[in-house]
Amino acid sequence: MGIIQKILTFIFIILLAVTIFEIGYLFLYRPIRSANLQNSNSPTVSQSQPQAVEAEDSQAISENNIDLIKKLKAGTLVSAILNIQEQGEIVDVSKESGTRGDLAYEAILRFKDKNGVVSSYYYSANDLKNMKVFEKNTRKIIGFEDLKPGDKVTVKSVVDLTKDINSNILEIEINRI
């Protein structure tokens, strides 16, 4: 075999390998189709914490912080406590039970923010046990069922991110304002 044939064979093998890698890459990492993008904006609530039905660009927690949390390792993580505080006006409150994803809930609280965007809280039986509802301007405890549409509230939640979704809320405080 001559030197030119060896060079051409070598180039052919290289080109064949590159083509196989490119085809493999396309199958493994297909671009997202526009039909899938439309479905990704539909709201889903799978936790007892609210997920606002709003545009993705108004996300309260930056993607960098979410990515940082995702990188935490179970073997080294001792605690991951999240304090959440939100304010709004109650749209609906009910002691309706059901399931939402993996969460079995016993009550729902929906409220809207100053822009009119509605958030929904789905509370499990354990959440209701850990909940304290306070009357406006006092520390007098009232019942969850005493909350009414039109009430302005502050909702404070303490969440343990290391626990299961059905038992991750350590405490909930709802204050009429």
C-alpha atoms as a PDB file:
ATOM      1  CA  MET A   1       0.000   0.000   0.000  1.00  0.00           C
ATOM      2  CA  GLY A   2       1.395   3.364  -1.003  1.00  0.00           C
ATOM      3  CA  ILE A   3       1.836   6.341   1.275  1.00  0.00           C
ATOM      4  CA  ILE A   4      -1.040   8.237  -0.372  1.00  0.00           C
ATOM      5  CA  GLN A   5      -3.415   5.316   0.201  1.00  0.00           C
ATOM      6  CA  LYS A   6      -2.399   5.171   3.863  1.00  0.00           C
ATOM      7  CA  ILE A   7      -3.015   8.913   4.278  1.00  0.00           C
ATOM      8  CA  LEU A   8      -6.412   8.686   2.542  1.00  0.00           C
ATOM      9  CA  THR A   9      -7.412   5.667   4.664  1.00  0.00           C
ATOM     10  CA  PHE A  10      -6.388   7.505   7.824  1.00  0.00           C
ATOM     11  CA  ILE A  11      -8.403  10.624   6.816  1.00  0.00           C
ATOM     12  CA  PHE A  12     -11.409   8.426   5.964  1.00  0.00           C
ATOM     13  CA  ILE A  13     -11.295   6.722   9.398  1.00  0.00           C
ATOM     14  CA  ILE A  14     -11.047  10.087  11.157  1.00  0.00           C
ATOM     15  CA  LEU A  15     -13.996  11.498   9.188  1.00  0.00           C
ATOM     16  CA  LEU A  16     -16.051   8.358   9.852  1.00  0.00           C
ATOM     17  CA  ALA A  17     -15.345   8.575  13.617  1.00  0.00           C
ATOM     18  CA  VAL A  18     -16.284  12.282  13.725  1.00  0.00           C
ATOM     19  CA  THR A  19     -19.529  11.575  11.849  1.00  0.00           C
ATOM     20  CA  ILE A  20     -20.448   8.735  14.253  1.00  0.00           C
ATOM     21  CA  PHE A  21     -19.772  10.991  17.271  1.00  0.00           C
ATOM     22  CA  GLU A  22     -21.918  13.783  15.779  1.00  0.00           C
ATOM     23  CA  ILE A  23     -24.828  11.423  15.117  1.00  0.00           C
ATOM     24  CA  GLY A  24     -24.539  10.059  18.651  1.00  0.00           C
ATOM     25  CA  TYR A  25     -24.498  13.586  20.042  1.00  0.00           C
ATOM     26  CA  LEU A  26     -27.654  14.513  18.139  1.00  0.00           C
ATOM     27  CA  PHE A  27     -29.506  11.470  19.489  1.00  0.00           C
ATOM     28  CA  LEU A  28     -28.406  12.055  23.084  1.00  0.00           C
ATOM     29  CA  TYR A  29     -28.863  15.819  23.183  1.00  0.00           C
ATOM     30  CA  ARG A  30     -31.809  16.568  20.933  1.00  0.00           C
ATOM     31  CA  PRO A  31     -32.860  20.209  20.805  1.00  0.00           C
ATOM     32  CA  ILE A  32     -36.104  21.013  22.657  1.00  0.00           C
ATOM     33  CA  ARG A  33     -38.999  21.259  20.256  1.00  0.00           C
ATOM     34  CA  SER A  34     -41.366  24.227  20.438  1.00  0.00           C
ATOM     35  CA  ALA A  35     -44.272  21.970  21.512  1.00  0.00           C
ATOM     36  CA  ASN A  36     -42.333  21.020  24.634  1.00  0.00           C
ATOM     37  CA  LEU A  37     -41.607  24.679  25.371  1.00  0.00           C
ATOM     38  CA  GLN A  38     -45.319  25.488  25.465  1.00  0.00           C
ATOM     39  CA  ASN A  39     -45.923  22.755  28.057  1.00  0.00           C
ATOM     40  CA  SER A  40     -43.012  23.895  30.233  1.00  0.00           C
ATOM     41  CA  ASN A  41     -44.779  27.167  31.080  1.00  0.00           C
ATOM     42  CA  SER A  42     -47.881  25.490  32.490  1.00  0.00           C
ATOM     43  CA  PRO A  43     -47.991  25.810  36.280  1.00  0.00           C
ATOM     44  CA  THR A  44     -47.530  22.739  38.447  1.00  0.00           C
ATOM     45  CA  VAL A  45     -47.638  22.586  42.199  1.00  0.00           C
ATOM     46  CA  SER A  46     -46.085  19.505  43.699  1.00  0.00           C
ATOM     47  CA  GLN A  47     -45.102  20.919  47.053  1.00  0.00           C
ATOM     48  CA  SER A  48     -46.956  22.457  49.899  1.00  0.00           C
ATOM     49  CA  GLN A  49     -45.144  25.683  49.099  1.00  0.00           C
ATOM     50  CA  PRO A  50     -46.845  27.985  46.601  1.00  0.00           C
ATOM     51  CA  GLN A  51     -45.784  28.176  43.041  1.00  0.00           C
ATOM     52  CA  ALA A  52     -46.961  31.352  41.388  1.00  0.00           C
ATOM     53  CA  VAL A  53     -48.713  31.171  38.057  1.00  0.00           C
ATOM     54  CA  GLU A  54     -46.633  33.810  36.345  1.00  0.00           C
ATOM     55  CA  ALA A  55     -43.932  34.394  33.797  1.00  0.00           C
ATOM     56  CA  GLU A  56     -40.634  32.651  34.408  1.00  0.00           C
ATOM     57  CA  ASP A  57     -38.697  35.940  34.372  1.00  0.00           C
ATOM     58  CA  SER A  58     -40.379  36.980  37.646  1.00  0.00           C
ATOM     59  CA  GLN A  59     -38.904  34.022  39.521  1.00  0.00           C
ATOM     60  CA  ALA A  60     -38.079  35.156  43.052  1.00  0.00           C
ATOM     61  CA  ILE A  61     -35.022  32.941  43.568  1.00  0.00           C
ATOM     62  CA  SER A  62     -32.243  33.134  41.000  1.00  0.00           C
ATOM     63  CA  GLU A  63     -31.333  30.034  39.008  1.00  0.00           C
ATOM     64  CA  ASN A  64     -27.764  30.313  40.333  1.00  0.00           C
ATOM     65  CA  ASN A  65     -29.010  29.812  43.896  1.00  0.00           C
ATOM     66  CA  ILE A  66     -31.230  26.906  42.853  1.00  0.00           C
ATOM     67  CA  ASP A  67     -28.283  25.302  41.046  1.00  0.00           C
ATOM     68  CA  LEU A  68     -26.165  25.767  44.167  1.00  0.00           C
ATOM     69  CA  ILE A  69     -28.774  23.971  46.286  1.00  0.00           C
ATOM     70  CA  LYS A  70     -28.966  21.123  43.753  1.00  0.00           C
ATOM     71  CA  LYS A  71     -25.201  20.557  44.102  1.00  0.00           C
ATOM     72  CA  LEU A  72     -25.336  19.923  47.861  1.00  0.00           C
ATOM     73  CA  LYS A  73     -24.379  16.341  48.703  1.00  0.00           C
ATOM     74  CA  ALA A  74     -26.390  14.117  51.067  1.00  0.00           C
ATOM     75  CA  GLY A  75     -23.255  12.807  52.762  1.00  0.00           C
ATOM     76  CA  THR A  76     -22.068  16.240  53.871  1.00  0.00           C
ATOM     77  CA  LEU A  77     -25.303  18.216  54.251  1.00  0.00           C
ATOM     78  CA  VAL A  78     -26.353  18.542  57.879  1.00  0.00           C
ATOM     79  CA  SER A  79     -29.090  21.157  57.562  1.00  0.00           C
ATOM     80  CA  ALA A  80     -30.875  23.119  54.844  1.00  0.00           C
ATOM     81  CA  ILE A  81     -33.510  25.380  56.368  1.00  0.00           C
ATOM     82  CA  LEU A  82     -35.353  27.889  54.203  1.00  0.00           C
ATOM     83  CA  ASN A  83     -37.308  30.827  55.668  1.00  0.00           C
ATOM     84  CA  ILE A  84     -39.990  32.138  53.324  1.00  0.00           C
ATOM     85  CA  GLN A  85     -42.138  35.227  53.842  1.00  0.00           C
ATOM     86  CA  GLU A  86     -44.814  36.361  51.407  1.00  0.00           C
ATOM     87  CA  GLN A  87     -47.609  38.929  51.504  1.00  0.00           C
ATOM     88  CA  GLY A  88     -50.846  39.184  49.629  1.00  0.00           C
ATOM     89  CA  GLU A  89     -54.631  39.283  49.700  1.00  0.00           C
ATOM     90  CA  ILE A  90     -56.575  36.061  50.183  1.00  0.00           C
ATOM     91  CA  VAL A  91     -58.582  35.021  47.128  1.00  0.00           C
ATOM     92  CA  ASP A  92     -59.781  31.650  48.421  1.00  0.00           C
ATOM     93  CA  VAL A  93     -59.382  29.536  51.539  1.00  0.00           C
ATOM     94  CA  SER A  94     -60.811  26.048  51.957  1.00  0.00           C
ATOM     95  CA  LYS A  95     -60.487  22.866  54.015  1.00  0.00           C
ATOM     96  CA  GLU A  96     -60.687  20.769  50.859  1.00  0.00           C
ATOM     97  CA  SER A  97     -58.570  17.616  50.752  1.00  0.00           C
ATOM     98  CA  GLY A  98     -56.955  15.842  47.834  1.00  0.00           C
ATOM     99  CA  THR A  99     -53.605  15.033  46.291  1.00  0.00           C
ATOM    100  CA  ARG A 100     -51.251  17.094  44.186  1.00  0.00           C
ATOM    101  CA  GLY A 101     -48.349  15.067  42.854  1.00  0.00           C
ATOM    102  CA  ASP A 102     -46.813  13.305  45.869  1.00  0.00           C
ATOM    103  CA  LEU A 103     -48.486  15.653  48.357  1.00  0.00           C
ATOM    104  CA  ALA A 104     -51.690  14.698  50.164  1.00  0.00           C
ATOM    105  CA  TYR A 105     -53.258  18.000  51.231  1.00  0.00           C
ATOM    106  CA  GLU A 106     -56.030  18.916  53.669  1.00  0.00           C
ATOM    107  CA  ALA A 107     -56.380  22.654  53.017  1.00  0.00           C
ATOM    108  CA  ILE A 108     -55.741  25.244  50.321  1.00  0.00           C
ATOM    109  CA  LEU A 109     -54.895  28.928  50.645  1.00  0.00           C
ATOM    110  CA  ARG A 110     -54.806  31.076  47.515  1.00  0.00           C
ATOM    111  CA  PHE A 111     -53.741  34.692  47.607  1.00  0.00           C
ATOM    112  CA  LYS A 112     -52.718  37.321  45.114  1.00  0.00           C
ATOM    113  CA  ASP A 113     -49.762  39.662  45.217  1.00  0.00           C
ATOM    114  CA  LYS A 114     -49.782  43.391  44.473  1.00  0.00           C
ATOM    115  CA  ASN A 115     -49.632  42.601  40.736  1.00  0.00           C
ATOM    116  CA  GLY A 116     -52.674  40.329  40.904  1.00  0.00           C
ATOM    117  CA  VAL A 117     -50.686  37.117  40.425  1.00  0.00           C
ATOM    118  CA  VAL A 118     -52.260  34.255  42.398  1.00  0.00           C
ATOM    119  CA  SER A 119     -50.148  31.831  44.463  1.00  0.00           C
ATOM    120  CA  SER A 120     -51.524  28.628  45.962  1.00  0.00           C
ATOM    121  CA  TYR A 121     -50.494  26.846  49.146  1.00  0.00           C
ATOM    122  CA  TYR A 122     -51.489  23.199  49.554  1.00  0.00           C
ATOM    123  CA  TYR A 123     -51.254  22.233  53.235  1.00  0.00           C
ATOM    124  CA  SER A 124     -50.913  18.644  54.468  1.00  0.00           C
ATOM    125  CA  ALA A 125     -52.327  17.437  57.801  1.00  0.00           C
ATOM    126  CA  ASN A 126     -48.809  17.789  59.241  1.00  0.00           C
ATOM    127  CA  ASP A 127     -48.623  21.382  57.948  1.00  0.00           C
ATOM    128  CA  LEU A 128     -51.923  22.244  59.656  1.00  0.00           C
ATOM    129  CA  LYS A 129     -50.535  20.830  62.925  1.00  0.00           C
ATOM    130  CA  ASN A 130     -47.531  23.131  62.655  1.00  0.00           C
ATOM    131  CA  MET A 131     -49.588  26.183  61.625  1.00  0.00           C
ATOM    132  CA  LYS A 132     -50.369  29.231  63.740  1.00  0.00           C
ATOM    133  CA  VAL A 133     -52.818  31.849  62.474  1.00  0.00           C
ATOM    134  CA  PHE A 134     -52.829  35.227  64.222  1.00  0.00           C
ATOM    135  CA  GLU A 135     -55.448  37.980  64.306  1.00  0.00           C
ATOM    136  CA  LYS A 136     -54.538  41.391  62.895  1.00  0.00           C
ATOM    137  CA  ASN A 137     -52.202  43.457  65.132  1.00  0.00           C
ATOM    138  CA  THR A 138     -52.335  40.917  67.982  1.00  0.00           C
ATOM    139  CA  ARG A 139     -50.766  37.623  68.888  1.00  0.00           C
ATOM    140  CA  LYS A 140     -54.260  36.146  69.459  1.00  0.00           C
ATOM    141  CA  ILE A 141     -54.414  32.745  67.771  1.00  0.00           C
ATOM    142  CA  ILE A 142     -57.375  32.137  65.468  1.00  0.00           C
ATOM    143  CA  GLY A 143     -58.265  29.143  63.299  1.00  0.00           C
ATOM    144  CA  PHE A 144     -57.334  28.577  59.668  1.00  0.00           C
ATOM    145  CA  GLU A 145     -61.067  28.548  58.897  1.00  0.00           C
ATOM    146  CA  ASP A 146     -61.317  32.143  60.264  1.00  0.00           C
ATOM    147  CA  LEU A 147     -59.361  33.432  57.266  1.00  0.00           C
ATOM    148  CA  LYS A 148     -61.638  34.982  54.614  1.00  0.00           C
ATOM    149  CA  PRO A 149     -61.264  36.196  51.018  1.00  0.00           C
ATOM    150  CA  GLY A 150     -60.184  39.829  51.067  1.00  0.00           C
ATOM    151  CA  ASP A 151     -57.984  39.417  54.171  1.00  0.00           C
ATOM    152  CA  LYS A 152     -54.470  40.745  53.699  1.00  0.00           C
ATOM    153  CA  VAL A 153     -51.922  38.311  55.112  1.00  0.00           C
ATOM    154  CA  THR A 154     -48.261  37.646  55.650  1.00  0.00           C
ATOM    155  CA  VAL A 155     -47.347  33.962  55.350  1.00  0.00           C
ATOM    156  CA  LYS A 156     -44.097  32.878  56.999  1.00  0.00           C
ATOM    157  CA  SER A 157     -42.884  29.322  56.449  1.00  0.00           C
ATOM    158  CA  VAL A 158     -39.830  27.496  57.734  1.00  0.00           C
ATOM    159  CA  VAL A 159     -38.976  24.593  55.416  1.00  0.00           C
ATOM    160  CA  ASP A 160     -36.411  21.813  55.869  1.00  0.00           C
ATOM    161  CA  LEU A 161     -35.175  21.099  52.342  1.00  0.00           C
ATOM    162  CA  THR A 162     -33.670  17.770  53.417  1.00  0.00           C
ATOM    163  CA  LYS A 163     -37.036  16.222  54.339  1.00  0.00           C
ATOM    164  CA  ASP A 164     -39.788  14.574  52.308  1.00  0.00           C
ATOM    165  CA  ILE A 165     -42.353  16.908  50.743  1.00  0.00           C
ATOM    166  CA  ASN A 166     -45.100  15.634  53.078  1.00  0.00           C
ATOM    167  CA  SER A 167     -43.148  16.560  56.209  1.00  0.00           C
ATOM    168  CA  ASN A 168     -40.741  19.329  55.163  1.00  0.00           C
ATOM    169  CA  ILE A 169     -42.566  22.287  56.730  1.00  0.00           C
ATOM    170  CA  LEU A 170     -41.352  22.874  60.270  1.00  0.00           C
ATOM    171  CA  GLU A 171     -43.560  25.842  61.049  1.00  0.00           C
ATOM    172  CA  ILE A 172     -46.105  28.092  59.376  1.00  0.00           C
ATOM    173  CA  GLU A 173     -47.291  31.420  60.647  1.00  0.00           C
ATOM    174  CA  ILE A 174     -50.096  33.351  58.965  1.00  0.00           C
ATOM    175  CA  ASN A 175     -50.684  36.910  60.170  1.00  0.00           C
ATOM    176  CA  ARG A 176     -53.592  39.089  59.113  1.00  0.00           C
ATOM    177  CA  ILE A 177     -52.256  42.557  58.341  1.00  0.00           C
END
